[in-house]
Structures are given as C-alpha cells and as structure tokens.
Amino acid sequence: MKGTYNCRGGERVPVGAAGSAGVDQVTEERPDSELSRAIERGAGWLSEFLSRRLQRLDLTSGCLGLFGLACAVKSAPASLTTALEETLARMRQRLGEIVSQPEAARQFRHGAVLSPLMAAVACRTSAARSPELERFCTEEWAHVDLPKLRESAPVSHQAALCLFDLLSERWSANGDRPMWLRSIATRPSKYRLDDEAIEDLATEIHALSGYGTVVPRLPSEVRAYLEDALPFWTFFFAKERDLDTLCPLVRAMKYLGLDGAPEYSRAIQFIRNQQKPDHRFGSQDMELHLLSRASAEPIDSDREIHLPLTVSSVWTLSHHCSSDSRFFGA
C-alpha cells in the first residue's frame, strides 16, 4: 500500500499503522472556487511581502515574487489584477532599478538565471509584464558561462535553456532535445531514489514539456516507470508534509498528463490546506522553529522559506486551475 512507507536513511521503508497518521488531510475534495480563493489570498500575501520589502529585494527574491504574482494573475479573475495593479507597477519599477545595477548582471552571469528567466517568461503574457526584465535577460544571456553551469548544475542548465527558448520564442515541441532523465536511466527502485534526484527529475520533466506547453514524448518504458513512480512519490511527500518537494512533483504529473490520478487531486488539496491564517503557505512549522533556534545566524523565514514556498504553491494551484494549457506559452 502506497501510504505505508516512510523515508529513513535514504530508503523508503514500511512503517506501522501509527506512521500513516497525518494523511487524512489529503483525502478531502474541495471545489475549485476554494482553490481560486487560496490563490488570491496567496497573491495578497506576496503583494504585502513585496511591498514591505521593496527596497531590500535583490534580483532573485524580486523576480521570484513577481513570478508568483504573474502565476496568480494568469488563473484568477480580472478583479485580482486590479487589486494587484499598484504592487505590479511598483515591482516593475523596482526590478528596472535592480537590473540596471552591475551586481544584477554579475549574479546572472554567474548562474543566478532561473528566477529572472521564469519571471520574464511568465510575465510577458500578463499584466505583470516587465520589458526591462525581458531586455536584461536577453542581453545578459550571451555572457552566461553555460559550460560552467552545465558542469555544476546540469538540471538547472537544461531548465535555463528551455526558459530562454520560451522567452525568445524559439522553443519548439519538435526541437532536437536529448533524452535527459539521467537519474532513472537504470530504472532504480522508486523506494531508493533520493530526494535530490527526485527533485531534479521533476525539474527535467518541466523543461522537457516546455513547462506544460506539450506532453513530452518519452520511450514507453520510461513513461511506464514515471506513471508508477510519480504518484507514489507525490503521495509520499504529501504524507511527509514536504511542500517544497511536493509542488514540483505535482506540476510534473500535470505536464505528463497524469492529473487524473487520485494522488494528484489529493496533493492539490493538501497544498491548499497548507495555507496559513496570514495567507502564506508553509508546512513543518516545528522543524522550522527548531532550525531557527539551532542556527547561529538569525533566519529570515519569510524571505528564505515562506516566499519560495508560497510562490511554488501559488504556481502549482494556478496551473491546476488555469484553462490555458500553454501556461508559459506565447
């Protein structure tokens, strides 16, 4: 039974009945209207956070926040765009200031490319569009050390190539792309693949699909492996309350056309249920508290934890609710 596994020492092993506690919250179905409200509330938290931190935003956090707002705008009613109009205008202005500084170019050239590219691609077809950011990404791309990025972070390299092609409108479903998915080349047991490899696999699926633009063509044996493994991992990470890993897996399932699986719908509701009273998204609060107490340096939990978790959750729920299959399309 899928719900009777836990992860200890790098291996997912069976646990007793007590280990299955906590999965009840992924079984309740809610109507899409509640998901839409969760997206709007999450966008409200992002708007408040970005407005409060406006002058302290850097390239990565600013682009990440703008990307989250763009995702919300794509799936929400026009009233949300109106409500966010002031924040979007201030963010476009602030990002224009950020990308005009030499430090932003230095960071981008040295590998901090994913957040700016994702924001530029998502924003170009929404009210959040930032011509300055698009121009920055296009001009600075020529100076990125791609061989070094490929060597140090091959999955980020593949994702960056996909995003830049989407931005420059060169991405094609018929493009000549290698069969990536190196982590499952030998079809390892789904119980033993480590968390980092699973996250990399999800990111590769995102890039192979053009972030949902097409359902990628895969060899039949690879497709069969993923149809079995992705629902299992999705259930597992929901049970572990690992929102950070769960959201990319849910998007990967959608990009492969596996959104009819019960694990997918339950994971969507689990993500929805992780929204806090102040409308940010988060889980594992006790672990965060203990980490903060043990850290020698103070942790800015809103910026380092709740911002990326809220953006990833809003992105996942927005993609689920959007009627546009080409969520990142032109």
C-alpha atoms as a PDB file:
ATOM      1  CA  MET A   1       0.000   0.000   0.000  1.00  0.00           C
ATOM      2  CA  LYS A   2       1.430   3.369  -1.020  1.00  0.00           C
ATOM      3  CA  GLY A   3       0.602   5.052   2.229  1.00  0.00           C
ATOM      4  CA  THR A   4       2.648   2.650   4.339  1.00  0.00           C
ATOM      5  CA  TYR A   5       6.145   3.894   3.587  1.00  0.00           C
ATOM      6  CA  ASN A   6       8.448   6.309   5.290  1.00  0.00           C
ATOM      7  CA  CYS A   7      11.916   7.587   4.477  1.00  0.00           C
ATOM      8  CA  ARG A   8      14.795   6.889   6.786  1.00  0.00           C
ATOM      9  CA  GLY A   9      18.485   6.721   5.942  1.00  0.00           C
ATOM     10  CA  GLY A  10      17.894   7.333   2.238  1.00  0.00           C
ATOM     11  CA  GLU A  11      15.432   4.455   1.860  1.00  0.00           C
ATOM     12  CA  ARG A  12      11.638   4.452   1.916  1.00  0.00           C
ATOM     13  CA  VAL A  13      10.684   1.566   4.169  1.00  0.00           C
ATOM     14  CA  PRO A  14       7.370   0.236   5.534  1.00  0.00           C
ATOM     15  CA  VAL A  15       6.157   1.692   8.809  1.00  0.00           C
ATOM     16  CA  GLY A  16       3.442   0.655  11.198  1.00  0.00           C
ATOM     17  CA  ALA A  17      -0.090   1.944  11.358  1.00  0.00           C
ATOM     18  CA  ALA A  18       0.974   4.884  13.506  1.00  0.00           C
ATOM     19  CA  GLY A  19       3.160   6.103  10.665  1.00  0.00           C
ATOM     20  CA  SER A  20       0.149   6.653   8.431  1.00  0.00           C
ATOM     21  CA  ALA A  21      -1.299   9.331  10.689  1.00  0.00           C
ATOM     22  CA  GLY A  22      -1.404  12.741   9.089  1.00  0.00           C
ATOM     23  CA  VAL A  23      -2.576  11.652   5.649  1.00  0.00           C
ATOM     24  CA  ASP A  24      -6.250  12.322   6.374  1.00  0.00           C
ATOM     25  CA  GLN A  25      -5.874  15.903   5.273  1.00  0.00           C
ATOM     26  CA  VAL A  26      -5.043  14.854   1.694  1.00  0.00           C
ATOM     27  CA  THR A  27      -8.272  12.928   1.184  1.00  0.00           C
ATOM     28  CA  GLU A  28     -10.890  15.661   1.336  1.00  0.00           C
ATOM     29  CA  GLU A  29     -12.006  17.117  -2.004  1.00  0.00           C
ATOM     30  CA  ARG A  30     -12.772  20.823  -2.263  1.00  0.00           C
ATOM     31  CA  PRO A  31     -14.333  22.736  -5.170  1.00  0.00           C
ATOM     32  CA  ASP A  32     -12.156  24.825  -7.470  1.00  0.00           C
ATOM     33  CA  SER A  33     -13.709  28.002  -6.058  1.00  0.00           C
ATOM     34  CA  GLU A  34     -11.854  27.370  -2.808  1.00  0.00           C
ATOM     35  CA  LEU A  35      -8.634  26.840  -4.730  1.00  0.00           C
ATOM     36  CA  SER A  36      -9.194  30.141  -6.531  1.00  0.00           C
ATOM     37  CA  ARG A  37      -9.663  31.904  -3.220  1.00  0.00           C
ATOM     38  CA  ALA A  38      -6.486  30.280  -1.907  1.00  0.00           C
ATOM     39  CA  ILE A  39      -4.598  31.616  -4.944  1.00  0.00           C
ATOM     40  CA  GLU A  40      -5.988  35.107  -4.428  1.00  0.00           C
ATOM     41  CA  ARG A  41      -5.104  35.059  -0.729  1.00  0.00           C
ATOM     42  CA  GLY A  42      -1.611  33.766  -1.519  1.00  0.00           C
ATOM     43  CA  ALA A  43      -1.182  36.578  -4.049  1.00  0.00           C
ATOM     44  CA  GLY A  44      -2.273  39.009  -1.352  1.00  0.00           C
ATOM     45  CA  TRP A  45       0.457  37.747   0.994  1.00  0.00           C
ATOM     46  CA  LEU A  46       3.025  38.050  -1.792  1.00  0.00           C
ATOM     47  CA  SER A  47       1.849  41.579  -2.558  1.00  0.00           C
ATOM     48  CA  GLU A  48       2.141  42.600   1.090  1.00  0.00           C
ATOM     49  CA  PHE A  49       5.566  40.971   1.457  1.00  0.00           C
ATOM     50  CA  LEU A  50       6.948  42.572  -1.696  1.00  0.00           C
ATOM     51  CA  SER A  51       5.589  45.998  -0.783  1.00  0.00           C
ATOM     52  CA  ARG A  52       7.059  45.763   2.707  1.00  0.00           C
ATOM     53  CA  ARG A  53      10.465  44.596   1.478  1.00  0.00           C
ATOM     54  CA  LEU A  54      10.531  46.589  -1.756  1.00  0.00           C
ATOM     55  CA  GLN A  55      13.820  48.426  -1.219  1.00  0.00           C
ATOM     56  CA  ARG A  56      15.529  45.325   0.205  1.00  0.00           C
ATOM     57  CA  LEU A  57      14.714  43.000  -2.692  1.00  0.00           C
ATOM     58  CA  ASP A  58      17.553  41.568  -4.752  1.00  0.00           C
ATOM     59  CA  LEU A  59      17.430  40.051  -8.232  1.00  0.00           C
ATOM     60  CA  THR A  60      16.398  36.567  -7.105  1.00  0.00           C
ATOM     61  CA  SER A  61      13.785  37.463  -4.473  1.00  0.00           C
ATOM     62  CA  GLY A  62      12.303  40.247  -6.595  1.00  0.00           C
ATOM     63  CA  CYS A  63      11.944  38.030  -9.651  1.00  0.00           C
ATOM     64  CA  LEU A  64      10.596  35.146  -7.569  1.00  0.00           C
ATOM     65  CA  GLY A  65       7.908  37.376  -6.058  1.00  0.00           C
ATOM     66  CA  LEU A  66       6.923  38.866  -9.416  1.00  0.00           C
ATOM     67  CA  PHE A  67       6.743  35.368 -10.898  1.00  0.00           C
ATOM     68  CA  GLY A  68       4.337  34.303  -8.143  1.00  0.00           C
ATOM     69  CA  LEU A  69       2.076  37.285  -8.826  1.00  0.00           C
ATOM     70  CA  ALA A  70       2.154  36.570 -12.565  1.00  0.00           C
ATOM     71  CA  CYS A  71       1.078  32.960 -11.938  1.00  0.00           C
ATOM     72  CA  ALA A  72      -1.844  34.141  -9.787  1.00  0.00           C
ATOM     73  CA  VAL A  73      -2.941  36.694 -12.381  1.00  0.00           C
ATOM     74  CA  LYS A  74      -2.990  34.035 -15.114  1.00  0.00           C
ATOM     75  CA  SER A  75      -5.631  31.921 -13.387  1.00  0.00           C
ATOM     76  CA  ALA A  76      -7.560  34.442 -11.277  1.00  0.00           C
ATOM     77  CA  PRO A  77     -10.409  36.765 -12.281  1.00  0.00           C
ATOM     78  CA  ALA A  78      -9.726  40.270 -13.572  1.00  0.00           C
ATOM     79  CA  SER A  79     -10.561  41.689 -10.153  1.00  0.00           C
ATOM     80  CA  LEU A  80      -7.290  40.261  -8.800  1.00  0.00           C
ATOM     81  CA  THR A  81      -5.279  42.051 -11.481  1.00  0.00           C
ATOM     82  CA  THR A  82      -6.994  45.275 -10.485  1.00  0.00           C
ATOM     83  CA  ALA A  83      -6.269  44.667  -6.808  1.00  0.00           C
ATOM     84  CA  LEU A  84      -2.609  43.982  -7.571  1.00  0.00           C
ATOM     85  CA  GLU A  85      -2.193  46.837 -10.039  1.00  0.00           C
ATOM     86  CA  GLU A  86      -0.301  49.107  -7.657  1.00  0.00           C
ATOM     87  CA  THR A  87       2.014  46.342  -6.459  1.00  0.00           C
ATOM     88  CA  LEU A  88       2.727  45.219 -10.026  1.00  0.00           C
ATOM     89  CA  ALA A  89       3.588  48.767 -11.064  1.00  0.00           C
ATOM     90  CA  ARG A  90       5.926  49.221  -8.101  1.00  0.00           C
ATOM     91  CA  MET A  91       7.547  45.846  -8.726  1.00  0.00           C
ATOM     92  CA  ARG A  92       8.181  46.637 -12.390  1.00  0.00           C
ATOM     93  CA  GLN A  93       9.791  49.905 -11.377  1.00  0.00           C
ATOM     94  CA  ARG A  94      11.881  48.279  -8.649  1.00  0.00           C
ATOM     95  CA  LEU A  95      13.070  45.469 -10.915  1.00  0.00           C
ATOM     96  CA  GLY A  96      14.017  48.064 -13.500  1.00  0.00           C
ATOM     97  CA  GLU A  97      16.255  49.623 -10.838  1.00  0.00           C
ATOM     98  CA  ILE A  98      17.679  46.253  -9.788  1.00  0.00           C
ATOM     99  CA  VAL A  99      18.601  45.051 -13.288  1.00  0.00           C
ATOM    100  CA  SER A 100      20.281  48.373 -14.069  1.00  0.00           C
ATOM    101  CA  GLN A 101      22.885  47.699 -11.376  1.00  0.00           C
ATOM    102  CA  PRO A 102      26.172  45.890 -12.190  1.00  0.00           C
ATOM    103  CA  GLU A 103      25.597  43.457  -9.315  1.00  0.00           C
ATOM    104  CA  ALA A 104      22.491  42.032 -11.017  1.00  0.00           C
ATOM    105  CA  ALA A 105      24.436  41.379 -14.209  1.00  0.00           C
ATOM    106  CA  ARG A 106      27.225  39.743 -12.213  1.00  0.00           C
ATOM    107  CA  GLN A 107      24.784  37.420 -10.417  1.00  0.00           C
ATOM    108  CA  PHE A 108      23.023  36.467 -13.650  1.00  0.00           C
ATOM    109  CA  ARG A 109      26.269  35.782 -15.490  1.00  0.00           C
ATOM    110  CA  HIS A 110      27.450  33.557 -12.657  1.00  0.00           C
ATOM    111  CA  GLY A 111      24.406  31.327 -12.671  1.00  0.00           C
ATOM    112  CA  ALA A 112      21.503  33.099 -10.909  1.00  0.00           C
ATOM    113  CA  VAL A 113      19.406  32.729 -14.049  1.00  0.00           C
ATOM    114  CA  LEU A 114      16.313  30.665 -13.221  1.00  0.00           C
ATOM    115  CA  SER A 115      14.245  33.183 -11.230  1.00  0.00           C
ATOM    116  CA  PRO A 116      14.795  36.061 -13.709  1.00  0.00           C
ATOM    117  CA  LEU A 117      14.052  33.831 -16.709  1.00  0.00           C
ATOM    118  CA  MET A 118      10.941  32.337 -15.105  1.00  0.00           C
ATOM    119  CA  ALA A 119       9.621  35.782 -14.204  1.00  0.00           C
ATOM    120  CA  ALA A 120      10.345  37.178 -17.669  1.00  0.00           C
ATOM    121  CA  VAL A 121       8.636  34.243 -19.408  1.00  0.00           C
ATOM    122  CA  ALA A 122       5.565  34.143 -17.142  1.00  0.00           C
ATOM    123  CA  CYS A 123       5.104  37.912 -17.059  1.00  0.00           C
ATOM    124  CA  ARG A 124       5.299  38.612 -20.778  1.00  0.00           C
ATOM    125  CA  THR A 125       1.727  37.451 -21.384  1.00  0.00           C
ATOM    126  CA  SER A 126       0.183  39.046 -18.305  1.00  0.00           C
ATOM    127  CA  ALA A 127      -0.412  42.383 -16.629  1.00  0.00           C
ATOM    128  CA  ALA A 128       2.859  41.831 -14.756  1.00  0.00           C
ATOM    129  CA  ARG A 129       4.988  42.204 -17.914  1.00  0.00           C
ATOM    130  CA  SER A 130       8.362  43.852 -17.372  1.00  0.00           C
ATOM    131  CA  PRO A 131      10.091  44.892 -20.628  1.00  0.00           C
ATOM    132  CA  GLU A 132      13.167  45.891 -18.621  1.00  0.00           C
ATOM    133  CA  LEU A 133      13.493  42.387 -17.183  1.00  0.00           C
ATOM    134  CA  GLU A 134      12.989  40.777 -20.594  1.00  0.00           C
ATOM    135  CA  ARG A 135      15.656  43.013 -22.106  1.00  0.00           C
ATOM    136  CA  PHE A 136      18.025  42.289 -19.219  1.00  0.00           C
ATOM    137  CA  CYS A 137      17.667  38.521 -19.606  1.00  0.00           C
ATOM    138  CA  THR A 138      18.076  38.684 -23.381  1.00  0.00           C
ATOM    139  CA  GLU A 139      21.169  40.884 -23.283  1.00  0.00           C
ATOM    140  CA  GLU A 140      22.904  39.162 -20.371  1.00  0.00           C
ATOM    141  CA  TRP A 141      22.250  35.628 -21.617  1.00  0.00           C
ATOM    142  CA  ALA A 142      25.133  35.964 -24.074  1.00  0.00           C
ATOM    143  CA  HIS A 143      27.502  36.447 -21.116  1.00  0.00           C
ATOM    144  CA  VAL A 144      26.372  33.451 -19.024  1.00  0.00           C
ATOM    145  CA  ASP A 145      29.048  30.789 -18.643  1.00  0.00           C
ATOM    146  CA  LEU A 146      26.849  27.947 -19.899  1.00  0.00           C
ATOM    147  CA  PRO A 147      29.570  25.244 -19.878  1.00  0.00           C
ATOM    148  CA  LYS A 148      30.274  26.010 -16.221  1.00  0.00           C
ATOM    149  CA  LEU A 149      26.547  25.968 -15.400  1.00  0.00           C
ATOM    150  CA  ARG A 150      26.150  22.652 -17.221  1.00  0.00           C
ATOM    151  CA  GLU A 151      29.037  21.160 -15.264  1.00  0.00           C
ATOM    152  CA  SER A 152      27.989  22.446 -11.831  1.00  0.00           C
ATOM    153  CA  ALA A 153      24.202  22.188 -12.162  1.00  0.00           C
ATOM    154  CA  PRO A 154      23.194  20.179 -15.250  1.00  0.00           C
ATOM    155  CA  VAL A 155      19.480  20.194 -14.464  1.00  0.00           C
ATOM    156  CA  SER A 156      19.440  23.963 -13.899  1.00  0.00           C
ATOM    157  CA  HIS A 157      21.301  24.286 -17.201  1.00  0.00           C
ATOM    158  CA  GLN A 158      18.592  22.320 -19.044  1.00  0.00           C
ATOM    159  CA  ALA A 159      15.832  24.345 -17.386  1.00  0.00           C
ATOM    160  CA  ALA A 160      17.587  27.614 -18.241  1.00  0.00           C
ATOM    161  CA  LEU A 161      17.941  26.615 -21.905  1.00  0.00           C
ATOM    162  CA  CYS A 162      14.228  25.804 -22.065  1.00  0.00           C
ATOM    163  CA  LEU A 163      13.200  29.065 -20.394  1.00  0.00           C
ATOM    164  CA  PHE A 164      15.413  31.200 -22.628  1.00  0.00           C
ATOM    165  CA  ASP A 165      13.994  29.494 -25.722  1.00  0.00           C
ATOM    166  CA  LEU A 166      10.483  30.195 -24.427  1.00  0.00           C
ATOM    167  CA  LEU A 167      11.402  33.827 -23.794  1.00  0.00           C
ATOM    168  CA  SER A 168      12.918  34.268 -27.244  1.00  0.00           C
ATOM    169  CA  GLU A 169      10.039  32.293 -28.811  1.00  0.00           C
ATOM    170  CA  ARG A 170      12.413  29.700 -30.205  1.00  0.00           C
ATOM    171  CA  TRP A 171      11.129  26.753 -28.174  1.00  0.00           C
ATOM    172  CA  SER A 172       9.602  24.065 -30.364  1.00  0.00           C
ATOM    173  CA  ALA A 173       7.815  20.877 -29.427  1.00  0.00           C
ATOM    174  CA  ASN A 174       9.701  19.249 -32.297  1.00  0.00           C
ATOM    175  CA  GLY A 175      13.087  20.539 -31.203  1.00  0.00           C
ATOM    176  CA  ASP A 176      16.047  18.195 -31.038  1.00  0.00           C
ATOM    177  CA  ARG A 177      16.408  17.614 -27.310  1.00  0.00           C
ATOM    178  CA  PRO A 178      18.429  14.838 -25.704  1.00  0.00           C
ATOM    179  CA  MET A 179      16.808  12.253 -23.523  1.00  0.00           C
ATOM    180  CA  TRP A 180      17.693  13.679 -20.143  1.00  0.00           C
ATOM    181  CA  LEU A 181      16.238  11.982 -17.067  1.00  0.00           C
ATOM    182  CA  ARG A 182      19.643  10.562 -16.251  1.00  0.00           C
ATOM    183  CA  SER A 183      18.622   9.694 -12.695  1.00  0.00           C
ATOM    184  CA  ILE A 184      16.250   6.962 -13.907  1.00  0.00           C
ATOM    185  CA  ALA A 185      18.334   5.654 -16.793  1.00  0.00           C
ATOM    186  CA  THR A 186      18.687   2.323 -14.983  1.00  0.00           C
ATOM    187  CA  ARG A 187      15.097   2.363 -13.632  1.00  0.00           C
ATOM    188  CA  PRO A 188      16.133   2.428  -9.964  1.00  0.00           C
ATOM    189  CA  SER A 189      13.681   1.282  -7.331  1.00  0.00           C
ATOM    190  CA  LYS A 190      11.242   4.099  -6.586  1.00  0.00           C
ATOM    191  CA  TYR A 191      11.840   3.394  -2.888  1.00  0.00           C
ATOM    192  CA  ARG A 192      15.554   4.175  -3.063  1.00  0.00           C
ATOM    193  CA  LEU A 193      15.881   7.259  -5.277  1.00  0.00           C
ATOM    194  CA  ASP A 194      16.994  10.109  -3.002  1.00  0.00           C
ATOM    195  CA  ASP A 195      15.102  13.370  -2.576  1.00  0.00           C
ATOM    196  CA  GLU A 196      17.557  15.457  -4.613  1.00  0.00           C
ATOM    197  CA  ALA A 197      17.333  13.064  -7.557  1.00  0.00           C
ATOM    198  CA  ILE A 198      13.529  13.155  -7.393  1.00  0.00           C
ATOM    199  CA  GLU A 199      13.510  16.971  -7.395  1.00  0.00           C
ATOM    200  CA  ASP A 200      15.936  17.020 -10.340  1.00  0.00           C
ATOM    201  CA  LEU A 201      13.730  14.566 -12.194  1.00  0.00           C
ATOM    202  CA  ALA A 202      10.695  16.790 -11.695  1.00  0.00           C
ATOM    203  CA  THR A 203      12.626  19.811 -12.995  1.00  0.00           C
ATOM    204  CA  GLU A 204      13.735  17.877 -16.073  1.00  0.00           C
ATOM    205  CA  ILE A 205      10.124  16.932 -16.809  1.00  0.00           C
ATOM    206  CA  HIS A 206       9.199  20.621 -16.522  1.00  0.00           C
ATOM    207  CA  ALA A 207      11.852  21.529 -19.099  1.00  0.00           C
ATOM    208  CA  LEU A 208      11.112  18.609 -21.431  1.00  0.00           C
ATOM    209  CA  SER A 209       7.479  19.733 -21.593  1.00  0.00           C
ATOM    210  CA  GLY A 210       8.293  23.416 -22.118  1.00  0.00           C
ATOM    211  CA  TYR A 211       6.702  23.972 -18.692  1.00  0.00           C
ATOM    212  CA  GLY A 212       3.447  22.404 -19.781  1.00  0.00           C
ATOM    213  CA  THR A 213       3.445  23.565 -23.387  1.00  0.00           C
ATOM    214  CA  VAL A 214       3.334  19.959 -24.637  1.00  0.00           C
ATOM    215  CA  VAL A 215       3.208  16.476 -23.173  1.00  0.00           C
ATOM    216  CA  PRO A 216       6.771  15.253 -23.818  1.00  0.00           C
ATOM    217  CA  ARG A 217       7.307  12.193 -25.961  1.00  0.00           C
ATOM    218  CA  LEU A 218       9.063   9.543 -23.897  1.00  0.00           C
ATOM    219  CA  PRO A 219      10.100   5.951 -24.562  1.00  0.00           C
ATOM    220  CA  SER A 220       7.322   3.617 -23.454  1.00  0.00           C
ATOM    221  CA  GLU A 221       9.404   2.050 -20.674  1.00  0.00           C
ATOM    222  CA  VAL A 222      10.297   5.491 -19.280  1.00  0.00           C
ATOM    223  CA  ARG A 223       6.668   6.580 -19.439  1.00  0.00           C
ATOM    224  CA  ALA A 224       5.577   3.411 -17.616  1.00  0.00           C
ATOM    225  CA  TYR A 225       8.196   3.966 -14.901  1.00  0.00           C
ATOM    226  CA  LEU A 226       7.050   7.560 -14.326  1.00  0.00           C
ATOM    227  CA  GLU A 227       3.357   6.624 -14.338  1.00  0.00           C
ATOM    228  CA  ASP A 228       4.124   4.292 -11.453  1.00  0.00           C
ATOM    229  CA  ALA A 229       6.739   6.335  -9.562  1.00  0.00           C
ATOM    230  CA  LEU A 230       5.393   9.900  -9.730  1.00  0.00           C
ATOM    231  CA  PRO A 231       2.056   9.150  -7.998  1.00  0.00           C
ATOM    232  CA  PHE A 232       3.909   7.181  -5.323  1.00  0.00           C
ATOM    233  CA  TRP A 233       6.386   9.993  -4.632  1.00  0.00           C
ATOM    234  CA  THR A 234       3.586  12.557  -4.684  1.00  0.00           C
ATOM    235  CA  PHE A 235       1.661  10.617  -2.051  1.00  0.00           C
ATOM    236  CA  PHE A 236       4.816  10.074  -0.022  1.00  0.00           C
ATOM    237  CA  PHE A 237       5.897  13.735   0.115  1.00  0.00           C
ATOM    238  CA  ALA A 238       2.366  14.858   0.970  1.00  0.00           C
ATOM    239  CA  LYS A 239       2.425  12.387   3.846  1.00  0.00           C
ATOM    240  CA  GLU A 240       5.837  13.746   4.878  1.00  0.00           C
ATOM    241  CA  ARG A 241       4.401  17.300   4.699  1.00  0.00           C
ATOM    242  CA  ASP A 242       7.281  18.259   2.402  1.00  0.00           C
ATOM    243  CA  LEU A 243       5.685  21.093   0.429  1.00  0.00           C
ATOM    244  CA  ASP A 244       8.995  22.084  -1.155  1.00  0.00           C
ATOM    245  CA  THR A 245       9.367  18.745  -2.966  1.00  0.00           C
ATOM    246  CA  LEU A 246       5.665  18.043  -3.424  1.00  0.00           C
ATOM    247  CA  CYS A 247       4.807  21.092  -5.555  1.00  0.00           C
ATOM    248  CA  PRO A 248       7.295  20.330  -8.366  1.00  0.00           C
ATOM    249  CA  LEU A 249       6.138  16.703  -8.411  1.00  0.00           C
ATOM    250  CA  VAL A 250       2.505  17.757  -8.771  1.00  0.00           C
ATOM    251  CA  ARG A 251       3.408  20.035 -11.672  1.00  0.00           C
ATOM    252  CA  ALA A 252       5.411  17.211 -13.273  1.00  0.00           C
ATOM    253  CA  MET A 253       2.343  14.967 -13.062  1.00  0.00           C
ATOM    254  CA  LYS A 254       0.257  17.619 -14.777  1.00  0.00           C
ATOM    255  CA  TYR A 255       2.843  18.129 -17.520  1.00  0.00           C
ATOM    256  CA  LEU A 256       2.821  14.378 -18.231  1.00  0.00           C
ATOM    257  CA  GLY A 257      -0.978  14.269 -18.344  1.00  0.00           C
ATOM    258  CA  LEU A 258      -1.240  12.354 -15.070  1.00  0.00           C
ATOM    259  CA  ASP A 259      -3.572  14.866 -13.420  1.00  0.00           C
ATOM    260  CA  GLY A 260      -6.403  12.329 -13.447  1.00  0.00           C
ATOM    261  CA  ALA A 261      -4.643  10.199 -10.831  1.00  0.00           C
ATOM    262  CA  PRO A 262      -6.157  10.294  -7.321  1.00  0.00           C
ATOM    263  CA  GLU A 263      -2.720  11.096  -5.860  1.00  0.00           C
ATOM    264  CA  TYR A 264      -2.665  14.272  -7.951  1.00  0.00           C
ATOM    265  CA  SER A 265      -6.044  15.571  -6.815  1.00  0.00           C
ATOM    266  CA  ARG A 266      -5.312  14.712  -3.189  1.00  0.00           C
ATOM    267  CA  ALA A 267      -1.974  16.503  -3.392  1.00  0.00           C
ATOM    268  CA  ILE A 268      -3.680  19.616  -4.781  1.00  0.00           C
ATOM    269  CA  GLN A 269      -5.983  19.666  -1.780  1.00  0.00           C
ATOM    270  CA  PHE A 270      -3.074  19.031   0.579  1.00  0.00           C
ATOM    271  CA  ILE A 271      -1.249  22.053  -0.849  1.00  0.00           C
ATOM    272  CA  ARG A 272      -4.405  24.124  -0.448  1.00  0.00           C
ATOM    273  CA  ASN A 273      -4.626  23.042   3.195  1.00  0.00           C
ATOM    274  CA  GLN A 274      -1.116  24.291   3.962  1.00  0.00           C
ATOM    275  CA  GLN A 275      -2.180  27.929   3.681  1.00  0.00           C
ATOM    276  CA  LYS A 276      -1.740  29.727   6.990  1.00  0.00           C
ATOM    277  CA  PRO A 277      -4.134  32.245   8.601  1.00  0.00           C
ATOM    278  CA  ASP A 278      -1.961  35.095   7.290  1.00  0.00           C
ATOM    279  CA  HIS A 279      -2.314  33.539   3.773  1.00  0.00           C
ATOM    280  CA  ARG A 280       1.285  32.451   3.241  1.00  0.00           C
ATOM    281  CA  PHE A 281       1.947  28.775   2.522  1.00  0.00           C
ATOM    282  CA  GLY A 282       4.118  26.556   4.697  1.00  0.00           C
ATOM    283  CA  SER A 283       4.415  23.250   6.486  1.00  0.00           C
ATOM    284  CA  GLN A 284       6.723  21.587   9.008  1.00  0.00           C
ATOM    285  CA  ASP A 285       6.478  24.618  11.317  1.00  0.00           C
ATOM    286  CA  MET A 286       8.023  22.771  14.258  1.00  0.00           C
ATOM    287  CA  GLU A 287      11.076  21.829  12.172  1.00  0.00           C
ATOM    288  CA  LEU A 288      11.444  25.474  11.150  1.00  0.00           C
ATOM    289  CA  HIS A 289      11.212  26.580  14.776  1.00  0.00           C
ATOM    290  CA  LEU A 290      13.903  24.120  15.845  1.00  0.00           C
ATOM    291  CA  LEU A 291      16.115  25.129  12.928  1.00  0.00           C
ATOM    292  CA  SER A 292      15.821  28.786  13.891  1.00  0.00           C
ATOM    293  CA  ARG A 293      16.773  28.030  17.483  1.00  0.00           C
ATOM    294  CA  ALA A 294      19.789  25.987  16.419  1.00  0.00           C
ATOM    295  CA  SER A 295      21.074  28.466  13.845  1.00  0.00           C
ATOM    296  CA  ALA A 296      23.990  30.710  14.797  1.00  0.00           C
ATOM    297  CA  GLU A 297      22.628  33.409  12.483  1.00  0.00           C
ATOM    298  CA  PRO A 298      19.020  34.620  12.516  1.00  0.00           C
ATOM    299  CA  ILE A 299      16.896  33.129   9.726  1.00  0.00           C
ATOM    300  CA  ASP A 300      14.698  35.457   7.699  1.00  0.00           C
ATOM    301  CA  SER A 301      11.961  32.833   7.424  1.00  0.00           C
ATOM    302  CA  ASP A 302       9.634  34.950   5.300  1.00  0.00           C
ATOM    303  CA  ARG A 303      12.256  35.577   2.633  1.00  0.00           C
ATOM    304  CA  GLU A 304      14.144  32.289   2.739  1.00  0.00           C
ATOM    305  CA  ILE A 305      11.291  29.857   3.376  1.00  0.00           C
ATOM    306  CA  HIS A 306       7.791  31.284   3.084  1.00  0.00           C
ATOM    307  CA  LEU A 307       8.411  33.321  -0.079  1.00  0.00           C
ATOM    308  CA  PRO A 308       9.597  30.346  -2.186  1.00  0.00           C
ATOM    309  CA  LEU A 309       7.002  28.001  -0.649  1.00  0.00           C
ATOM    310  CA  THR A 310       4.170  30.464  -1.277  1.00  0.00           C
ATOM    311  CA  VAL A 311       5.307  31.124  -4.835  1.00  0.00           C
ATOM    312  CA  SER A 312       5.625  27.399  -5.576  1.00  0.00           C
ATOM    313  CA  SER A 313       2.195  26.692  -4.072  1.00  0.00           C
ATOM    314  CA  VAL A 314       0.503  29.557  -5.928  1.00  0.00           C
ATOM    315  CA  TRP A 315       2.198  28.412  -9.149  1.00  0.00           C
ATOM    316  CA  THR A 316       1.008  24.830  -8.690  1.00  0.00           C
ATOM    317  CA  LEU A 317      -2.576  25.762  -7.796  1.00  0.00           C
ATOM    318  CA  SER A 318      -2.747  28.382 -10.554  1.00  0.00           C
ATOM    319  CA  HIS A 319      -1.530  25.927 -13.168  1.00  0.00           C
ATOM    320  CA  HIS A 320      -4.092  23.420 -11.934  1.00  0.00           C
ATOM    321  CA  CYS A 321      -6.943  25.949 -12.162  1.00  0.00           C
ATOM    322  CA  SER A 322      -5.899  27.611 -15.416  1.00  0.00           C
ATOM    323  CA  SER A 323      -7.881  26.793 -18.548  1.00  0.00           C
ATOM    324  CA  ASP A 324      -4.817  27.670 -20.654  1.00  0.00           C
ATOM    325  CA  SER A 325      -2.753  24.543 -21.240  1.00  0.00           C
ATOM    326  CA  ARG A 326       0.080  26.746 -22.511  1.00  0.00           C
ATOM    327  CA  PHE A 327       0.581  28.418 -19.146  1.00  0.00           C
ATOM    328  CA  PHE A 328       4.006  29.680 -20.224  1.00  0.00           C
ATOM    329  CA  GLY A 329       3.120  29.928 -23.884  1.00  0.00           C
ATOM    330  CA  ALA A 330       3.273  32.995 -26.065  1.00  0.00           C
END
